[in-house]
C-alpha atoms as a PDB file:
ATOM      1  CA  MET A   1       9.386 -28.637  64.073  1.00  0.00           C
ATOM      2  CA  LYS A   2       5.740 -29.453  63.503  1.00  0.00           C
ATOM      3  CA  ILE A   3       4.981 -29.251  59.647  1.00  0.00           C
ATOM      4  CA  LEU A   4       2.457 -29.624  57.393  1.00  0.00           C
ATOM      5  CA  VAL A   5       3.091 -30.585  54.011  1.00  0.00           C
ATOM      6  CA  THR A   6      -0.054 -29.996  51.630  1.00  0.00           C
ATOM      7  CA  GLY A   7      -0.134 -32.061  48.568  1.00  0.00           C
ATOM      8  CA  SER A   8       1.444 -34.640  50.973  1.00  0.00           C
ATOM      9  CA  SER A   9       0.787 -38.224  48.331  1.00  0.00           C
ATOM     10  CA  GLY A  10       2.284 -36.395  45.640  1.00  0.00           C
ATOM     11  CA  THR A  11       5.157 -37.006  43.647  1.00  0.00           C
ATOM     12  CA  VAL A  12       7.155 -33.516  45.062  1.00  0.00           C
ATOM     13  CA  GLY A  13       4.790 -34.222  48.183  1.00  0.00           C
ATOM     14  CA  THR A  14       6.029 -37.695  49.604  1.00  0.00           C
ATOM     15  CA  ARG A  15       9.760 -37.205  48.440  1.00  0.00           C
ATOM     16  CA  LEU A  16       9.511 -33.884  51.046  1.00  0.00           C
ATOM     17  CA  CYS A  17       7.650 -36.019  54.426  1.00  0.00           C
ATOM     18  CA  GLU A  18      10.201 -38.736  53.286  1.00  0.00           C
ATOM     19  CA  LYS A  19      13.003 -35.871  54.033  1.00  0.00           C
ATOM     20  CA  LEU A  20      11.522 -34.171  56.099  1.00  0.00           C
ATOM     21  CA  LEU A  21      11.415 -37.110  58.703  1.00  0.00           C
ATOM     22  CA  GLU A  22      15.437 -37.688  58.218  1.00  0.00           C
ATOM     23  CA  GLN A  23      16.262 -35.251  59.283  1.00  0.00           C
ATOM     24  CA  GLY A  24      13.252 -35.173  62.467  1.00  0.00           C
ATOM     25  CA  HIS A  25      10.377 -33.089  61.910  1.00  0.00           C
ATOM     26  CA  GLU A  26       7.078 -34.088  62.995  1.00  0.00           C
ATOM     27  CA  ILE A  27       4.987 -33.963  59.585  1.00  0.00           C
ATOM     28  CA  VAL A  28       1.561 -34.122  59.063  1.00  0.00           C
ATOM     29  CA  GLY A  29       0.020 -34.599  55.394  1.00  0.00           C
ATOM     30  CA  VAL A  30      -2.771 -32.984  53.656  1.00  0.00           C
ATOM     31  CA  ASP A  31      -3.952 -35.146  50.711  1.00  0.00           C
ATOM     32  CA  TRP A  32      -7.864 -35.956  49.198  1.00  0.00           C
ATOM     33  CA  HIS A  33      -5.196 -39.410  47.931  1.00  0.00           C
ATOM     34  CA  LYS A  34      -4.195 -42.171  50.034  1.00  0.00           C
ATOM     35  CA  ASN A  35      -0.514 -41.632  49.863  1.00  0.00           C
ATOM     36  CA  LYS A  36       0.641 -45.551  47.876  1.00  0.00           C
ATOM     37  CA  TRP A  37       4.341 -44.744  47.887  1.00  0.00           C
ATOM     38  CA  LYS A  38       4.669 -44.973  51.267  1.00  0.00           C
ATOM     39  CA  PRO A  39       2.827 -46.401  54.271  1.00  0.00           C
ATOM     40  CA  GLU A  40       4.685 -44.824  56.503  1.00  0.00           C
ATOM     41  CA  ILE A  41       3.651 -40.865  55.446  1.00  0.00           C
ATOM     42  CA  ASN A  42      -0.021 -42.421  54.742  1.00  0.00           C
ATOM     43  CA  LYS A  43      -0.549 -42.959  58.782  1.00  0.00           C
ATOM     44  CA  MET A  44       0.809 -39.354  59.244  1.00  0.00           C
ATOM     45  CA  THR A  45      -1.800 -37.972  56.413  1.00  0.00           C
ATOM     46  CA  VAL A  46      -4.733 -36.726  56.910  1.00  0.00           C
ATOM     47  CA  ASN A  47      -7.013 -36.939  54.494  1.00  0.00           C
ATOM     48  CA  VAL A  48      -8.984 -33.282  53.837  1.00  0.00           C
ATOM     49  CA  ASP A  49     -10.466 -31.498  50.873  1.00  0.00           C
ATOM     50  CA  LEU A  50      -8.878 -28.549  50.595  1.00  0.00           C
ATOM     51  CA  ARG A  51     -11.432 -26.921  48.642  1.00  0.00           C
ATOM     52  CA  ASN A  52     -13.847 -27.042  51.574  1.00  0.00           C
ATOM     53  CA  PRO A  53     -13.008 -24.318  54.358  1.00  0.00           C
ATOM     54  CA  LYS A  54     -14.503 -26.713  56.499  1.00  0.00           C
ATOM     55  CA  LYS A  55     -12.997 -29.361  56.139  1.00  0.00           C
ATOM     56  CA  LEU A  56      -9.762 -27.996  57.473  1.00  0.00           C
ATOM     57  CA  LYS A  57     -11.457 -28.262  60.707  1.00  0.00           C
ATOM     58  CA  LYS A  58      -9.876 -31.992  60.652  1.00  0.00           C
ATOM     59  CA  LEU A  59      -6.137 -29.822  60.749  1.00  0.00           C
ATOM     60  CA  PRO A  60      -4.652 -29.694  63.854  1.00  0.00           C
ATOM     61  CA  THR A  61      -3.610 -25.327  64.431  1.00  0.00           C
ATOM     62  CA  ASP A  62      -0.161 -26.647  66.314  1.00  0.00           C
ATOM     63  CA  ILE A  63       1.678 -25.761  63.239  1.00  0.00           C
ATOM     64  CA  ASP A  64       4.816 -24.526  63.250  1.00  0.00           C
ATOM     65  CA  PHE A  65       5.064 -23.758  59.141  1.00  0.00           C
ATOM     66  CA  ILE A  66       3.145 -25.283  55.613  1.00  0.00           C
ATOM     67  CA  TYR A  67       4.514 -25.640  52.444  1.00  0.00           C
ATOM     68  CA  HIS A  68       1.348 -25.405  50.228  1.00  0.00           C
ATOM     69  CA  LEU A  69       2.223 -27.897  47.168  1.00  0.00           C
ATOM     70  CA  ALA A  70      -1.437 -28.843  46.259  1.00  0.00           C
ATOM     71  CA  ALA A  71      -2.186 -28.962  43.065  1.00  0.00           C
ATOM     72  CA  ASN A  72      -3.945 -29.925  39.827  1.00  0.00           C
ATOM     73  CA  ALA A  73      -0.422 -29.367  38.015  1.00  0.00           C
ATOM     74  CA  ARG A  74      -1.478 -30.878  34.930  1.00  0.00           C
ATOM     75  CA  VAL A  75      -1.249 -28.652  32.323  1.00  0.00           C
ATOM     76  CA  TYR A  76      -3.133 -29.674  29.311  1.00  0.00           C
ATOM     77  CA  GLU A  77      -5.586 -31.480  31.888  1.00  0.00           C
ATOM     78  CA  LEU A  78      -6.396 -28.014  32.735  1.00  0.00           C
ATOM     79  CA  VAL A  79      -7.053 -26.458  29.451  1.00  0.00           C
ATOM     80  CA  LYS A  80      -9.655 -29.435  28.507  1.00  0.00           C
ATOM     81  CA  GLU A  81     -10.971 -28.740  32.236  1.00  0.00           C
ATOM     82  CA  PRO A  82     -10.551 -25.433  33.351  1.00  0.00           C
ATOM     83  CA  ASP A  83     -12.797 -26.151  36.620  1.00  0.00           C
ATOM     84  CA  MET A  84      -9.212 -27.533  37.970  1.00  0.00           C
ATOM     85  CA  ALA A  85      -7.860 -24.466  37.988  1.00  0.00           C
ATOM     86  CA  LEU A  86     -10.221 -22.896  40.118  1.00  0.00           C
ATOM     87  CA  ASP A  87      -9.704 -25.220  42.888  1.00  0.00           C
ATOM     88  CA  ASN A  88      -6.009 -24.938  43.266  1.00  0.00           C
ATOM     89  CA  PHE A  89      -7.272 -20.604  43.540  1.00  0.00           C
ATOM     90  CA  VAL A  90      -9.484 -22.357  46.289  1.00  0.00           C
ATOM     91  CA  THR A  91      -7.202 -24.416  47.954  1.00  0.00           C
ATOM     92  CA  THR A  92      -4.195 -21.275  47.937  1.00  0.00           C
ATOM     93  CA  PHE A  93      -6.771 -19.258  49.932  1.00  0.00           C
ATOM     94  CA  ASN A  94      -8.079 -21.343  52.284  1.00  0.00           C
ATOM     95  CA  VAL A  95      -4.649 -22.848  53.059  1.00  0.00           C
ATOM     96  CA  LEU A  96      -3.892 -18.961  53.603  1.00  0.00           C
ATOM     97  CA  GLU A  97      -6.977 -18.561  55.521  1.00  0.00           C
ATOM     98  CA  PHE A  98      -6.436 -21.880  58.251  1.00  0.00           C
ATOM     99  CA  ALA A  99      -2.813 -20.332  58.629  1.00  0.00           C
ATOM    100  CA  ARG A 100      -4.644 -16.579  59.009  1.00  0.00           C
ATOM    101  CA  LYS A 101      -6.462 -17.934  61.373  1.00  0.00           C
ATOM    102  CA  ASN A 102      -4.496 -20.371  63.919  1.00  0.00           C
ATOM    103  CA  ASN A 103      -1.852 -17.667  63.679  1.00  0.00           C
ATOM    104  CA  ILE A 104       0.576 -20.156  61.420  1.00  0.00           C
ATOM    105  CA  LYS A 105       3.525 -17.114  60.561  1.00  0.00           C
ATOM    106  CA  ARG A 106       5.455 -19.372  57.684  1.00  0.00           C
ATOM    107  CA  ILE A 107       4.751 -20.747  55.185  1.00  0.00           C
ATOM    108  CA  VAL A 108       6.229 -22.178  51.276  1.00  0.00           C
ATOM    109  CA  PHE A 109       3.798 -22.247  48.464  1.00  0.00           C
ATOM    110  CA  THR A 110       4.791 -23.806  45.151  1.00  0.00           C
ATOM    111  CA  SER A 111       4.477 -22.065  42.253  1.00  0.00           C
ATOM    112  CA  SER A 112       5.607 -22.821  38.492  1.00  0.00           C
ATOM    113  CA  ARG A 113       7.651 -22.617  35.864  1.00  0.00           C
ATOM    114  CA  GLU A 114       4.581 -22.011  33.902  1.00  0.00           C
ATOM    115  CA  ALA A 115       3.883 -18.367  35.239  1.00  0.00           C
ATOM    116  CA  TYR A 116       6.802 -17.398  32.415  1.00  0.00           C
ATOM    117  CA  GLY A 117       4.924 -18.156  29.834  1.00  0.00           C
ATOM    118  CA  ASN A 118       6.229 -17.692  26.513  1.00  0.00           C
ATOM    119  CA  ASP A 119       8.146 -14.703  26.311  1.00  0.00           C
ATOM    120  CA  GLU A 120      11.232 -14.293  24.051  1.00  0.00           C
ATOM    121  CA  HIS A 121      13.976 -14.794  26.522  1.00  0.00           C
ATOM    122  CA  ASP A 122      15.243 -18.068  26.866  1.00  0.00           C
ATOM    123  CA  VAL A 123      16.633 -17.452  30.981  1.00  0.00           C
ATOM    124  CA  HIS A 124      13.830 -16.386  32.894  1.00  0.00           C
ATOM    125  CA  THR A 125      15.502 -14.873  36.436  1.00  0.00           C
ATOM    126  CA  GLU A 126      12.047 -14.008  38.917  1.00  0.00           C
ATOM    127  CA  ASP A 127      11.908 -10.439  37.874  1.00  0.00           C
ATOM    128  CA  MET A 128       9.953 -11.908  34.005  1.00  0.00           C
ATOM    129  CA  VAL A 129       6.599 -12.812  35.395  1.00  0.00           C
ATOM    130  CA  ARG A 130       3.729 -11.041  33.307  1.00  0.00           C
ATOM    131  CA  VAL A 131      -0.126 -11.548  33.457  1.00  0.00           C
ATOM    132  CA  ASP A 132      -0.360 -10.767  30.040  1.00  0.00           C
ATOM    133  CA  ASN A 133       2.241 -13.930  28.918  1.00  0.00           C
ATOM    134  CA  CYS A 134      -0.065 -16.378  30.867  1.00  0.00           C
ATOM    135  CA  GLU A 135      -0.604 -19.447  28.552  1.00  0.00           C
ATOM    136  CA  SER A 136      -3.107 -21.357  30.228  1.00  0.00           C
ATOM    137  CA  PRO A 137      -5.907 -21.768  32.875  1.00  0.00           C
ATOM    138  CA  TYR A 138      -3.239 -23.437  34.968  1.00  0.00           C
ATOM    139  CA  THR A 139      -1.110 -20.744  34.510  1.00  0.00           C
ATOM    140  CA  ALA A 140      -3.458 -18.132  35.793  1.00  0.00           C
ATOM    141  CA  SER A 141      -4.279 -20.303  38.803  1.00  0.00           C
ATOM    142  CA  LYS A 142      -0.534 -20.221  39.900  1.00  0.00           C
ATOM    143  CA  ILE A 143      -0.082 -16.071  39.679  1.00  0.00           C
ATOM    144  CA  GLY A 144      -3.631 -16.172  40.935  1.00  0.00           C
ATOM    145  CA  GLY A 145      -1.494 -17.461  43.989  1.00  0.00           C
ATOM    146  CA  GLU A 146       1.558 -15.810  44.026  1.00  0.00           C
ATOM    147  CA  ALA A 147      -0.926 -12.928  44.597  1.00  0.00           C
ATOM    148  CA  LEU A 148      -2.723 -14.502  47.314  1.00  0.00           C
ATOM    149  CA  VAL A 149       0.145 -15.066  48.954  1.00  0.00           C
ATOM    150  CA  TRP A 150       1.498 -11.698  48.818  1.00  0.00           C
ATOM    151  CA  SER A 151      -1.590  -9.828  49.754  1.00  0.00           C
ATOM    152  CA  TYR A 152      -1.424 -12.095  53.448  1.00  0.00           C
ATOM    153  CA  ILE A 153       2.000 -10.845  53.955  1.00  0.00           C
ATOM    154  CA  ARG A 154       1.859  -7.594  53.312  1.00  0.00           C
ATOM    155  CA  CYS A 155      -2.104  -6.972  54.865  1.00  0.00           C
ATOM    156  CA  TYR A 156      -1.425 -10.307  57.828  1.00  0.00           C
ATOM    157  CA  GLY A 157       1.944 -10.925  58.806  1.00  0.00           C
ATOM    158  CA  ILE A 158       2.718 -13.521  57.761  1.00  0.00           C
ATOM    159  CA  ASP A 159       5.704 -14.588  56.363  1.00  0.00           C
ATOM    160  CA  GLY A 160       6.596 -16.844  52.977  1.00  0.00           C
ATOM    161  CA  ILE A 161       8.640 -17.908  49.751  1.00  0.00           C
ATOM    162  CA  VAL A 162       7.225 -18.106  46.297  1.00  0.00           C
ATOM    163  CA  THR A 163       9.175 -20.973  44.507  1.00  0.00           C
ATOM    164  CA  ARG A 164       8.363 -21.431  40.885  1.00  0.00           C
ATOM    165  CA  LEU A 165       9.159 -25.557  40.004  1.00  0.00           C
ATOM    166  CA  SER A 166      10.494 -26.355  37.007  1.00  0.00           C
ATOM    167  CA  ASN A 167       9.957 -30.018  35.605  1.00  0.00           C
ATOM    168  CA  VAL A 168      10.468 -32.146  37.941  1.00  0.00           C
ATOM    169  CA  TYR A 169      11.140 -35.835  37.519  1.00  0.00           C
ATOM    170  CA  GLY A 170      12.302 -38.931  39.539  1.00  0.00           C
ATOM    171  CA  MET A 171      10.676 -41.110  41.641  1.00  0.00           C
ATOM    172  CA  TYR A 172       7.026 -41.765  42.842  1.00  0.00           C
ATOM    173  CA  ASP A 173       5.345 -40.118  40.153  1.00  0.00           C
ATOM    174  CA  ASP A 174       2.754 -42.902  37.837  1.00  0.00           C
ATOM    175  CA  SER A 175       0.593 -39.997  36.290  1.00  0.00           C
ATOM    176  CA  ASP A 176       0.633 -39.169  32.882  1.00  0.00           C
ATOM    177  CA  ARG A 177       3.575 -36.363  33.222  1.00  0.00           C
ATOM    178  CA  VAL A 178       5.558 -36.732  30.138  1.00  0.00           C
ATOM    179  CA  VAL A 179       9.137 -38.751  32.116  1.00  0.00           C
ATOM    180  CA  PRO A 180       6.867 -41.345  33.578  1.00  0.00           C
ATOM    181  CA  LEU A 181       4.836 -41.641  30.474  1.00  0.00           C
ATOM    182  CA  PHE A 182       7.344 -42.064  27.871  1.00  0.00           C
ATOM    183  CA  ILE A 183       9.233 -44.760  30.320  1.00  0.00           C
ATOM    184  CA  LYS A 184       5.771 -46.896  30.202  1.00  0.00           C
ATOM    185  CA  GLN A 185       5.167 -46.268  26.620  1.00  0.00           C
ATOM    186  CA  ALA A 186       9.090 -47.454  26.028  1.00  0.00           C
ATOM    187  CA  LYS A 187       8.999 -50.284  28.249  1.00  0.00           C
ATOM    188  CA  ALA A 188       5.220 -52.062  26.280  1.00  0.00           C
ATOM    189  CA  ASN A 189       7.628 -50.386  23.075  1.00  0.00           C
ATOM    190  CA  GLU A 190       4.622 -48.701  22.168  1.00  0.00           C
ATOM    191  CA  GLY A 191       4.291 -45.215  20.267  1.00  0.00           C
ATOM    192  CA  MET A 192       5.378 -42.093  22.138  1.00  0.00           C
ATOM    193  CA  THR A 193       4.469 -38.422  20.349  1.00  0.00           C
ATOM    194  CA  VAL A 194       6.196 -35.126  21.054  1.00  0.00           C
ATOM    195  CA  PHE A 195       4.263 -31.799  21.101  1.00  0.00           C
ATOM    196  CA  GLY A 196       6.635 -29.923  20.290  1.00  0.00           C
ATOM    197  CA  LYS A 197       9.392 -30.406  17.748  1.00  0.00           C
ATOM    198  CA  ASP A 198      12.124 -27.855  19.444  1.00  0.00           C
ATOM    199  CA  LYS A 199      10.006 -27.581  22.446  1.00  0.00           C
ATOM    200  CA  CYS A 200      12.489 -26.993  25.503  1.00  0.00           C
ATOM    201  CA  LEU A 201      12.346 -27.310  29.102  1.00  0.00           C
ATOM    202  CA  ASP A 202      14.580 -27.702  31.981  1.00  0.00           C
ATOM    203  CA  PHE A 203      13.975 -30.962  33.960  1.00  0.00           C
ATOM    204  CA  THR A 204      14.812 -30.687  37.146  1.00  0.00           C
ATOM    205  CA  TYR A 205      15.616 -34.220  39.368  1.00  0.00           C
ATOM    206  CA  ILE A 206      13.795 -34.226  41.988  1.00  0.00           C
ATOM    207  CA  ASP A 207      16.565 -34.483  45.007  1.00  0.00           C
ATOM    208  CA  ASP A 208      17.805 -31.120  43.662  1.00  0.00           C
ATOM    209  CA  THR A 209      13.752 -29.787  43.643  1.00  0.00           C
ATOM    210  CA  ILE A 210      13.417 -30.772  47.459  1.00  0.00           C
ATOM    211  CA  SER A 211      17.578 -29.265  48.624  1.00  0.00           C
ATOM    212  CA  GLY A 212      15.803 -26.038  47.904  1.00  0.00           C
ATOM    213  CA  LEU A 213      12.763 -27.328  49.540  1.00  0.00           C
ATOM    214  CA  LEU A 214      14.256 -27.953  52.538  1.00  0.00           C
ATOM    215  CA  LEU A 215      16.516 -24.878  51.920  1.00  0.00           C
ATOM    216  CA  MET A 216      13.814 -22.636  52.093  1.00  0.00           C
ATOM    217  CA  LEU A 217      12.803 -24.484  55.903  1.00  0.00           C
ATOM    218  CA  GLU A 218      16.806 -23.848  56.328  1.00  0.00           C
ATOM    219  CA  ASN A 219      16.938 -19.960  55.992  1.00  0.00           C
ATOM    220  CA  PHE A 220      13.375 -18.581  56.061  1.00  0.00           C
ATOM    221  CA  ASP A 221      14.258 -15.966  58.465  1.00  0.00           C
ATOM    222  CA  SER A 222      16.931 -14.795  56.303  1.00  0.00           C
ATOM    223  CA  ALA A 223      15.212 -15.918  52.988  1.00  0.00           C
ATOM    224  CA  LYS A 224      11.317 -15.349  53.519  1.00  0.00           C
ATOM    225  CA  ASN A 225       9.368 -13.129  51.332  1.00  0.00           C
ATOM    226  CA  ASN A 226      10.607 -13.629  47.914  1.00  0.00           C
ATOM    227  CA  THR A 227      10.388 -15.672  45.111  1.00  0.00           C
ATOM    228  CA  TYR A 228      12.809 -18.323  44.318  1.00  0.00           C
ATOM    229  CA  ASN A 229      13.385 -19.937  41.001  1.00  0.00           C
ATOM    230  CA  LEU A 230      14.344 -24.210  41.917  1.00  0.00           C
ATOM    231  CA  ALA A 231      15.546 -25.869  38.641  1.00  0.00           C
ATOM    232  CA  CYS A 232      18.681 -27.256  36.549  1.00  0.00           C
ATOM    233  CA  GLU A 233      19.375 -24.022  34.897  1.00  0.00           C
ATOM    234  CA  LYS A 234      19.687 -26.290  31.919  1.00  0.00           C
ATOM    235  CA  GLY A 235      17.173 -26.921  28.574  1.00  0.00           C
ATOM    236  CA  THR A 236      16.213 -30.462  27.255  1.00  0.00           C
ATOM    237  CA  THR A 237      14.061 -30.905  23.964  1.00  0.00           C
ATOM    238  CA  ILE A 238      11.091 -33.448  23.886  1.00  0.00           C
ATOM    239  CA  VAL A 239      12.845 -35.486  21.693  1.00  0.00           C
ATOM    240  CA  HIS A 240      15.851 -35.484  23.402  1.00  0.00           C
ATOM    241  CA  LEU A 241      14.211 -36.837  26.631  1.00  0.00           C
ATOM    242  CA  ALA A 242      11.954 -39.229  24.321  1.00  0.00           C
ATOM    243  CA  GLU A 243      15.537 -40.465  22.031  1.00  0.00           C
ATOM    244  CA  LYS A 244      16.790 -40.881  25.796  1.00  0.00           C
ATOM    245  CA  ILE A 245      14.503 -43.477  27.168  1.00  0.00           C
ATOM    246  CA  LYS A 246      14.058 -45.291  24.245  1.00  0.00           C
ATOM    247  CA  GLU A 247      18.467 -45.561  24.422  1.00  0.00           C
ATOM    248  CA  LEU A 248      18.716 -46.433  27.644  1.00  0.00           C
ATOM    249  CA  LEU A 249      15.456 -48.969  28.122  1.00  0.00           C
ATOM    250  CA  GLY A 250      16.875 -50.428  24.518  1.00  0.00           C
ATOM    251  CA  SER A 251      13.103 -49.868  23.233  1.00  0.00           C
ATOM    252  CA  PRO A 252      12.199 -49.877  19.183  1.00  0.00           C
ATOM    253  CA  SER A 253       9.101 -47.104  20.399  1.00  0.00           C
ATOM    254  CA  GLU A 254       8.499 -45.245  17.873  1.00  0.00           C
ATOM    255  CA  ILE A 255       8.693 -41.590  18.360  1.00  0.00           C
ATOM    256  CA  THR A 256       5.541 -39.234  16.570  1.00  0.00           C
ATOM    257  CA  ILE A 257       6.106 -35.869  16.200  1.00  0.00           C
ATOM    258  CA  LYS A 258       3.044 -32.992  16.432  1.00  0.00           C
ATOM    259  CA  ASP A 259       2.462 -29.427  16.763  1.00  0.00           C
ATOM    260  CA  ASN A 260       2.772 -27.652  20.623  1.00  0.00           C
ATOM    261  CA  ARG A 261      -0.539 -28.597  22.228  1.00  0.00           C
ATOM    262  CA  PRO A 262      -3.014 -24.563  23.262  1.00  0.00           C
ATOM    263  CA  GLY A 263      -1.621 -23.544  26.701  1.00  0.00           C
ATOM    264  CA  GLU A 264       1.634 -25.172  27.121  1.00  0.00           C
ATOM    265  CA  VAL A 265       5.473 -23.166  27.516  1.00  0.00           C
ATOM    266  CA  VAL A 266       7.173 -23.566  24.694  1.00  0.00           C
ATOM    267  CA  GLN A 267      11.211 -22.466  26.042  1.00  0.00           C
ATOM    268  CA  TYR A 268      12.131 -22.521  29.437  1.00  0.00           C
ATOM    269  CA  VAL A 269      15.729 -22.600  31.267  1.00  0.00           C
ATOM    270  CA  ALA A 270      15.847 -20.606  35.013  1.00  0.00           C
ATOM    271  CA  ASN A 271      18.286 -18.401  36.197  1.00  0.00           C
ATOM    272  CA  VAL A 272      18.613 -20.486  39.591  1.00  0.00           C
ATOM    273  CA  ASP A 273      21.525 -17.476  41.050  1.00  0.00           C
ATOM    274  CA  LYS A 274      18.934 -15.804  43.698  1.00  0.00           C
ATOM    275  CA  ALA A 275      18.510 -19.777  45.091  1.00  0.00           C
ATOM    276  CA  ARG A 276      22.168 -20.148  45.049  1.00  0.00           C
ATOM    277  CA  GLU A 277      23.086 -16.777  46.475  1.00  0.00           C
ATOM    278  CA  LYS A 278      20.159 -16.899  49.495  1.00  0.00           C
ATOM    279  CA  LEU A 279      19.543 -20.202  50.088  1.00  0.00           C
ATOM    280  CA  GLY A 280      22.842 -21.822  49.258  1.00  0.00           C
ATOM    281  CA  TYR A 281      21.092 -23.791  46.356  1.00  0.00           C
ATOM    282  CA  ASN A 282      23.232 -25.662  44.308  1.00  0.00           C
ATOM    283  CA  PRO A 283      21.347 -28.397  41.423  1.00  0.00           C
ATOM    284  CA  GLN A 284      23.752 -31.317  41.368  1.00  0.00           C
ATOM    285  CA  THR A 285      21.800 -33.658  38.944  1.00  0.00           C
ATOM    286  CA  ASP A 286      22.060 -32.944  35.400  1.00  0.00           C
ATOM    287  CA  PHE A 287      19.604 -34.515  33.213  1.00  0.00           C
ATOM    288  CA  ASP A 288      21.261 -37.684  31.619  1.00  0.00           C
ATOM    289  CA  GLU A 289      22.138 -38.541  35.584  1.00  0.00           C
ATOM    290  CA  GLY A 290      19.178 -37.856  36.441  1.00  0.00           C
ATOM    291  CA  ILE A 291      16.844 -39.781  33.959  1.00  0.00           C
ATOM    292  CA  LYS A 292      19.564 -43.171  34.376  1.00  0.00           C
ATOM    293  CA  ARG A 293      18.578 -42.826  38.111  1.00  0.00           C
ATOM    294  CA  THR A 294      14.925 -42.714  36.938  1.00  0.00           C
ATOM    295  CA  ILE A 295      14.726 -45.030  34.928  1.00  0.00           C
ATOM    296  CA  GLU A 296      16.274 -47.640  37.676  1.00  0.00           C
ATOM    297  CA  TRP A 297      13.829 -46.478  40.080  1.00  0.00           C
ATOM    298  CA  TYR A 298      10.802 -47.266  37.522  1.00  0.00           C
ATOM    299  CA  LYS A 299      12.565 -50.957  36.952  1.00  0.00           C
ATOM    300  CA  ASN A 300      12.115 -51.655  40.487  1.00  0.00           C
ATOM    301  CA  ASN A 301       8.729 -50.179  41.814  1.00  0.00           C
ATOM    302  CA  ALA A 302       6.587 -48.979  38.761  1.00  0.00           C
END
């Protein structure tokens, strides 16, 4: 297939493109940044600002399938700069319009576990999202993006899958997300700050996320027009994350615990039974193994 991947220079996008190429697909990457990790993917990447619909005219239209990953995805950054959340909504609208105008009928939209907000549930199934639990502008941009996808499914005959990702980590990430940030700080013996003593999230090793995304392509006709959690199904506290990284790197870094920041979800574990049943998804990498692999990758690549 000829597959368009937006956000192809990001963490998930890079790994997804890598695996799609291994399967023999033709890739068109779309990003406003060059791909710093993989020169071969960079050669297939069209540098386009998806906020500007006129710029999408640079993209080929003979596309069989779209993975829409592109987003401003740092929750607290969007609390500080909410216009970045508007970017997410606009880019999703423009990608859907590109699909509609060019008769592209299959799309996967990556939403987020942030859509569940802070509620009374320890484990979350796909039917638990509530608009009134919206914690942040980022959350709003993802819930709004989901709504847009469903509107195009119902109005324009586009078939779609919405998937809610959860704290993807592993490789191809030099941002200030918590895993690469803590690894960088521990390697430098710098202090590490945990925002939320009891904050517990479902960290998902990148190859488990990618396996789920690839299964959506493989099983699209039977899985389409539905929403799926992709995650590990186990919660890990941020305190444990920091302590484990310190242990594996032999670092004397001090861990400071502060209050939760505005806009952030403090408890999330996914139920992935629907993805298991409909897609054959089965996460393989528990947290301890995943963080070991991640640290080894950063030792050799960052």
